[in-house]
Each structure stands twice: as C-alpha cells, then as structure tokens.
Amino acid sequence: MSSPGSNIVALRNVGKTFESGTVALDGLSLAVADGEFVSLLGPSGCGKSTALRLIAALSTPSAGAVEGPGGSGKIGFVFQEPTLMPWANVAANVRLPLKLAHADSAKARAAAMQALTHIGLADFAQSYPRELSGGMKMRTSIARALVTEPQVLLMDEPFAALDEITRFKLNNDLLALWQALRRTVIFVTHSVFESVYLSQRIVVMTPRPGRVFADIAIPAPYPRDERFRTSADFAGYCRTVSEALGKAMGGAP
C-alpha cells in the first residue's frame, strides 16, 4: 500500500492511437493520490474509458508512461454493464476473480461473503442474476471488483443505465463504501451532477484526442447527503464544472 497522499496512479504524457488510426489520447497527464476519489468527465469518445483500460493494463499506451499499483488483484474494474454469468448465483459471480486466480475455495467463499456484506447483498448470495434488479446486478459487479481487495477501483460509467432514484441511492452507497474501505476510486461519468456529488477532484477532458482541460477540486466535506445535493455550494460547483466542460468542448483556451 502506498503511503497516504502519495500518487498510486500516474499517466505521464500518455498517447493512444488505435490500429485504425484513431488518436484517442494525446499528451494526457494525470496523477491520482492514494485513497482519492477522482472523476473523469468529458463527452463521448474523449478517451475516458481508454484511460481506464490503460491504468488497468488492459491496453498499452502508444506514447508516454502509465504508473500504477501493478500486480494481480491490485486493480478492480467495474464496467457499465454488470456482465454477470446467468447460470451462476450471486456468490459464484463474485468469487470468479478468485477462482480464476486459483485461490483456496474456502478463503474465496469467505472473501465473497465479505464483499457482498460491504455492498449490502449478503442475503442474496444464493440468488441468480435473473432475480435481481438493475441496481442489485450493479452491486454484484462492484462486489466482484472488491473481492480481491484491490488498491484501486476503476468504474466506467457504472450507473449510467439506471433510473435516477436507483442512481442516487448507489451514489450514496458508493461514497459510504469508499469512506469505509478508503480505496482509490477513478470514476468515469458523463454527468456533471454525479461527478460533483461524488468526487474530491474532477478531471475535465477535451474531445478526441483526449487530454486534461481542467482539474477542479470539490472541497465539500464528507459524508455528503441530500442536503449537499440541494445546497447552494453544490449548485455553484456544478456551474463551475459545467462551464469548464463547455469550454473544453468548444475548444476555448
């Protein structure tokens, strides 16, 4: 584990060009401190998801360097779709990363139950995906990402497909989980409101090729709740972030 406040992830002048010739990222530099909650915000196609895949070592940069915690199980990844195995129950879905790593089965079962307890689904361990709501499926996906006790949790628009009420509830649950576990979270979203509610910092990215346009601190204290969501401070932060996003998309300096 890194010392508190030290960088656990760093992208240094990173570029990514795909075989098709598409330049997804160009000169992207970003550092994330251990235990920090950072959101990447930008238009579709700006390279947010590409940046996450580079951090997770699911892809390699065309230029620059990516520094992360490294090692098996150090990074957990939550995708936009839960991608659960329909023939397996919730507990078996959560155990999957440990099974693939050939972990001891008894320890894997215990770790899965602990992860399910963290996200409030312990009572549904024997249920199957078809029996779950959309929010419960996403909770299962989050538990699966947590089961290896990663240092960094990467989340690629995990709540985008959910209704607003469920999304608000999972935002609150995610913040409670982050405060309890103190993992580093890098969260991709299209929503200004979601990014302001969740984050300590918001990195606004330019349209393709993606690079950092603005890095905005959200100094509101935690825990955050509906009082913050309806406060003048929240509205002010949203206005600042929205203006930065508009300038990024308009190409303003």
Protein backbone atom coordinates (compact mmCIF):
# COMPACT_ATOMS: atom_id res chain seq x y z
CA MET A 1 0.00 0.00 0.00
CA SER A 2 1.26 3.47 -0.84
CA SER A 3 1.70 5.99 1.92
CA PRO A 4 -1.32 8.29 2.39
CA GLY A 5 -1.30 11.16 -0.08
CA SER A 6 1.32 9.65 -2.39
CA ASN A 7 0.43 9.00 -6.02
CA ILE A 8 -0.87 5.49 -6.63
CA VAL A 9 -1.65 6.11 -10.31
CA ALA A 10 0.11 8.41 -12.76
CA LEU A 11 -0.23 8.91 -16.51
CA ARG A 12 2.68 10.87 -17.91
CA ASN A 13 2.22 12.46 -21.34
CA VAL A 14 0.25 9.42 -22.48
CA GLY A 15 -0.88 8.92 -26.06
CA LYS A 16 -3.01 6.16 -27.51
CA THR A 17 -3.50 5.60 -31.22
CA PHE A 18 -5.53 2.59 -32.36
CA GLU A 19 -4.71 0.42 -35.36
CA SER A 20 -7.49 2.19 -37.28
CA GLY A 21 -5.50 5.42 -36.96
CA THR A 22 -7.89 6.95 -34.41
CA VAL A 23 -5.98 9.05 -31.89
CA ALA A 24 -7.86 8.54 -28.61
CA LEU A 25 -5.42 10.23 -26.23
CA ASP A 26 -2.62 12.70 -26.82
CA GLY A 27 -0.41 14.17 -24.10
CA LEU A 28 -2.64 13.04 -21.23
CA SER A 29 -1.01 13.64 -17.85
CA LEU A 30 -2.82 12.80 -14.65
CA ALA A 31 -1.84 11.82 -11.11
CA VAL A 32 -4.17 10.28 -8.51
CA ALA A 33 -3.26 10.08 -4.83
CA ASP A 34 -3.72 7.00 -2.68
CA GLY A 35 -7.25 6.98 -1.26
CA GLU A 36 -8.53 9.74 -3.53
CA PHE A 37 -11.91 9.83 -5.33
CA VAL A 38 -11.41 11.31 -8.80
CA SER A 39 -13.92 11.53 -11.65
CA LEU A 40 -13.07 11.75 -15.34
CA LEU A 41 -15.69 13.88 -17.09
CA GLY A 42 -16.00 14.55 -20.80
CA PRO A 43 -18.00 13.96 -23.98
CA SER A 44 -18.41 10.55 -25.56
CA GLY A 45 -15.29 9.46 -27.39
CA CYS A 46 -12.89 11.68 -25.44
CA GLY A 47 -10.84 8.74 -24.21
CA LYS A 48 -12.12 8.37 -20.64
CA SER A 49 -12.65 4.62 -20.95
CA THR A 50 -9.38 4.26 -22.86
CA ALA A 51 -7.57 5.91 -19.95
CA LEU A 52 -9.12 3.43 -17.51
CA ARG A 53 -8.10 0.49 -19.69
CA LEU A 54 -4.52 1.79 -19.77
CA ILE A 55 -4.46 2.12 -15.97
CA ALA A 56 -5.78 -1.44 -15.68
CA ALA A 57 -3.12 -2.69 -18.13
CA LEU A 58 -5.88 -3.97 -20.41
CA SER A 59 -4.25 -1.89 -23.14
CA THR A 60 -0.81 -0.37 -23.71
CA PRO A 61 -0.02 3.28 -24.46
CA SER A 62 1.36 4.34 -27.84
CA ALA A 63 3.40 7.05 -26.10
CA GLY A 64 4.23 8.14 -22.58
CA ALA A 65 4.14 6.09 -19.40
CA VAL A 66 1.45 4.66 -17.13
CA GLU A 67 2.36 4.02 -13.50
CA GLY A 68 0.01 2.06 -11.26
CA PRO A 69 -0.04 -0.28 -8.29
CA GLY A 70 0.73 -3.29 -10.50
CA GLY A 71 0.38 -6.90 -9.55
CA SER A 72 -2.52 -9.32 -9.73
CA GLY A 73 -5.63 -8.17 -7.89
CA LYS A 74 -4.35 -4.65 -7.21
CA ILE A 75 -6.95 -3.11 -9.53
CA GLY A 76 -10.69 -3.77 -9.58
CA PHE A 77 -12.72 -2.80 -12.67
CA VAL A 78 -16.47 -2.12 -12.74
CA PHE A 79 -17.85 -1.83 -16.27
CA GLN A 80 -21.01 -0.07 -17.43
CA GLU A 81 -22.76 -3.42 -17.85
CA PRO A 82 -22.64 -5.88 -14.92
CA THR A 83 -21.79 -8.83 -17.28
CA LEU A 84 -22.83 -11.48 -14.76
CA MET A 85 -22.86 -15.18 -15.57
CA PRO A 86 -26.60 -16.03 -15.75
CA TRP A 87 -26.11 -19.68 -14.78
CA ALA A 88 -24.22 -18.83 -11.57
CA ASN A 89 -25.62 -17.41 -8.36
CA VAL A 90 -24.52 -14.10 -6.88
CA ALA A 91 -21.85 -15.61 -4.63
CA ALA A 92 -20.33 -17.60 -7.50
CA ASN A 93 -20.27 -14.49 -9.70
CA VAL A 94 -18.44 -12.55 -7.00
CA ARG A 95 -15.94 -15.40 -6.42
CA LEU A 96 -15.00 -15.55 -10.11
CA PRO A 97 -11.77 -13.45 -9.93
CA LEU A 98 -10.50 -15.59 -7.06
CA LYS A 99 -11.44 -18.80 -8.86
CA LEU A 100 -9.52 -17.64 -11.93
CA ALA A 101 -6.54 -16.92 -9.66
CA HIS A 102 -6.81 -20.48 -8.22
CA ALA A 103 -7.39 -19.16 -4.71
CA ASP A 104 -8.28 -21.53 -1.89
CA SER A 105 -12.00 -22.25 -2.22
CA ALA A 106 -12.83 -21.74 1.46
CA LYS A 107 -11.00 -18.40 1.52
CA ALA A 108 -12.71 -17.41 -1.73
CA ARG A 109 -16.16 -18.13 -0.27
CA ALA A 110 -15.34 -16.08 2.82
CA ALA A 111 -13.98 -13.20 0.75
CA ALA A 112 -17.08 -13.24 -1.47
CA MET A 113 -19.40 -13.04 1.53
CA GLN A 114 -17.36 -10.20 2.98
CA ALA A 115 -17.59 -8.28 -0.32
CA LEU A 116 -21.34 -8.92 -0.52
CA THR A 117 -21.74 -7.70 3.06
CA HIS A 118 -19.90 -4.48 2.17
CA ILE A 119 -22.37 -3.72 -0.62
CA GLY A 120 -25.48 -4.91 1.22
CA LEU A 121 -26.24 -8.09 -0.73
CA ALA A 122 -25.27 -10.83 1.73
CA ASP A 123 -28.89 -12.00 1.90
CA PHE A 124 -28.93 -12.53 -1.87
CA ALA A 125 -25.80 -14.67 -2.15
CA GLN A 126 -27.78 -17.66 -3.45
CA SER A 127 -29.95 -15.65 -5.86
CA TYR A 128 -29.43 -15.68 -9.61
CA PRO A 129 -28.94 -12.63 -11.86
CA ARG A 130 -32.43 -13.03 -13.38
CA GLU A 131 -33.87 -12.49 -9.88
CA LEU A 132 -32.06 -9.19 -9.32
CA SER A 133 -32.98 -5.59 -10.12
CA GLY A 134 -30.62 -3.48 -12.22
CA GLY A 135 -29.22 -1.85 -9.12
CA MET A 136 -28.62 -5.20 -7.44
CA LYS A 137 -26.83 -6.51 -10.51
CA MET A 138 -24.52 -3.50 -10.40
CA ARG A 139 -23.90 -4.04 -6.68
CA THR A 140 -22.91 -7.61 -7.50
CA SER A 141 -20.48 -6.30 -10.11
CA ILE A 142 -18.98 -3.93 -7.55
CA ALA A 143 -18.62 -6.77 -5.04
CA ARG A 144 -16.84 -8.85 -7.68
CA ALA A 145 -14.40 -5.98 -8.24
CA LEU A 146 -13.80 -5.67 -4.49
CA VAL A 147 -13.32 -9.38 -3.74
CA THR A 148 -9.56 -9.26 -4.46
CA GLU A 149 -9.22 -6.27 -2.09
CA PRO A 150 -7.79 -4.01 -4.81
CA GLN A 151 -5.94 -0.81 -4.05
CA VAL A 152 -7.58 1.00 -6.97
CA LEU A 153 -11.21 0.70 -8.08
CA LEU A 154 -11.84 1.76 -11.69
CA MET A 155 -15.50 2.47 -12.53
CA ASP A 156 -16.58 3.06 -16.13
CA GLU A 157 -19.99 4.76 -16.03
CA PRO A 158 -21.40 2.04 -13.77
CA PHE A 159 -24.70 3.79 -13.05
CA ALA A 160 -25.44 5.30 -16.47
CA ALA A 161 -28.16 2.78 -17.40
CA LEU A 162 -30.02 3.01 -14.08
CA ASP A 163 -33.05 5.14 -13.23
CA GLU A 164 -32.41 8.35 -11.30
CA ILE A 165 -33.70 7.10 -7.94
CA THR A 166 -31.52 3.97 -8.08
CA ARG A 167 -28.57 6.03 -9.29
CA PHE A 168 -28.85 8.46 -6.36
CA LYS A 169 -29.04 5.54 -3.91
CA LEU A 170 -25.98 3.83 -5.40
CA ASN A 171 -24.08 7.14 -5.37
CA ASN A 172 -24.72 7.34 -1.62
CA ASP A 173 -23.80 3.69 -1.11
CA LEU A 174 -20.59 4.09 -3.12
CA LEU A 175 -19.49 7.04 -1.02
CA ALA A 176 -20.20 5.11 2.19
CA LEU A 177 -18.19 2.18 0.84
CA TRP A 178 -15.30 4.44 -0.20
CA GLN A 179 -15.20 6.07 3.24
CA ALA A 180 -15.26 2.68 4.96
CA LEU A 181 -12.61 0.98 2.80
CA ARG A 182 -10.54 4.01 1.71
CA ARG A 183 -9.71 2.55 -1.67
CA THR A 184 -8.67 4.84 -4.51
CA VAL A 185 -11.58 5.35 -6.92
CA ILE A 186 -11.31 6.61 -10.50
CA PHE A 187 -14.84 7.10 -11.79
CA VAL A 188 -15.86 7.81 -15.39
CA THR A 189 -19.13 9.67 -15.94
CA HIS A 190 -20.96 11.92 -18.40
CA SER A 191 -22.90 13.57 -15.58
CA VAL A 192 -21.73 16.87 -14.12
CA PHE A 193 -24.10 16.41 -11.18
CA GLU A 194 -22.86 12.89 -10.39
CA SER A 195 -19.22 13.93 -10.63
CA VAL A 196 -19.70 16.88 -8.26
CA TYR A 197 -21.66 14.81 -5.75
CA LEU A 198 -19.11 12.00 -5.57
CA SER A 199 -15.68 13.46 -6.15
CA GLN A 200 -12.83 15.17 -4.41
CA ARG A 201 -11.49 16.15 -7.85
CA ILE A 202 -13.00 16.28 -11.31
CA VAL A 203 -10.75 15.99 -14.36
CA VAL A 204 -12.47 17.56 -17.36
CA MET A 205 -11.20 16.10 -20.63
CA THR A 206 -11.18 17.55 -24.13
CA PRO A 207 -12.91 15.90 -27.09
CA ARG A 208 -10.79 13.38 -29.00
CA PRO A 209 -7.86 13.29 -28.76
CA GLY A 210 -8.37 13.34 -25.01
CA ARG A 211 -6.20 15.37 -22.70
CA VAL A 212 -6.79 17.21 -19.42
CA PHE A 213 -8.59 20.52 -19.94
CA ALA A 214 -9.27 21.34 -16.28
CA ASP A 215 -8.64 19.75 -12.89
CA ILE A 216 -11.27 21.04 -10.45
CA ALA A 217 -11.27 20.40 -6.69
CA ILE A 218 -14.60 19.84 -4.91
CA PRO A 219 -13.74 20.73 -1.29
CA ALA A 220 -17.18 19.92 0.18
CA PRO A 221 -16.81 17.73 3.28
CA TYR A 222 -17.91 14.11 3.57
CA PRO A 223 -20.21 12.44 4.32
CA ARG A 224 -22.36 14.03 1.63
CA ASP A 225 -26.13 13.65 1.57
CA GLU A 226 -29.27 15.23 0.15
CA ARG A 227 -28.56 18.46 1.99
CA PHE A 228 -25.40 18.84 -0.08
CA ARG A 229 -27.20 17.83 -3.28
CA THR A 230 -29.73 20.64 -2.78
CA SER A 231 -27.29 23.25 -1.45
CA ALA A 232 -26.06 26.48 -3.00
CA ASP A 233 -22.50 25.13 -2.77
CA PHE A 234 -23.45 22.10 -4.89
CA ALA A 235 -25.10 24.35 -7.48
CA GLY A 236 -22.01 26.53 -7.58
CA TYR A 237 -19.64 23.61 -8.10
CA CYS A 238 -21.92 22.25 -10.84
CA ARG A 239 -21.88 25.64 -12.58
CA THR A 240 -18.06 25.80 -12.43
CA VAL A 241 -17.68 22.27 -13.80
CA SER A 242 -20.35 22.83 -16.49
CA GLU A 243 -18.59 25.97 -17.67
CA ALA A 244 -15.26 24.14 -17.87
CA LEU A 245 -16.88 21.29 -19.79
CA GLY A 246 -18.49 23.74 -22.20
CA LYS A 247 -15.15 25.45 -22.84
CA ALA A 248 -13.44 22.08 -23.31
CA MET A 249 -15.99 21.03 -25.90
CA GLY A 250 -15.88 24.41 -27.61
CA GLY A 251 -12.12 24.43 -27.89
CA ALA A 252 -11.71 27.55 -25.80
CA PRO A 253 -8.26 28.06 -24.25
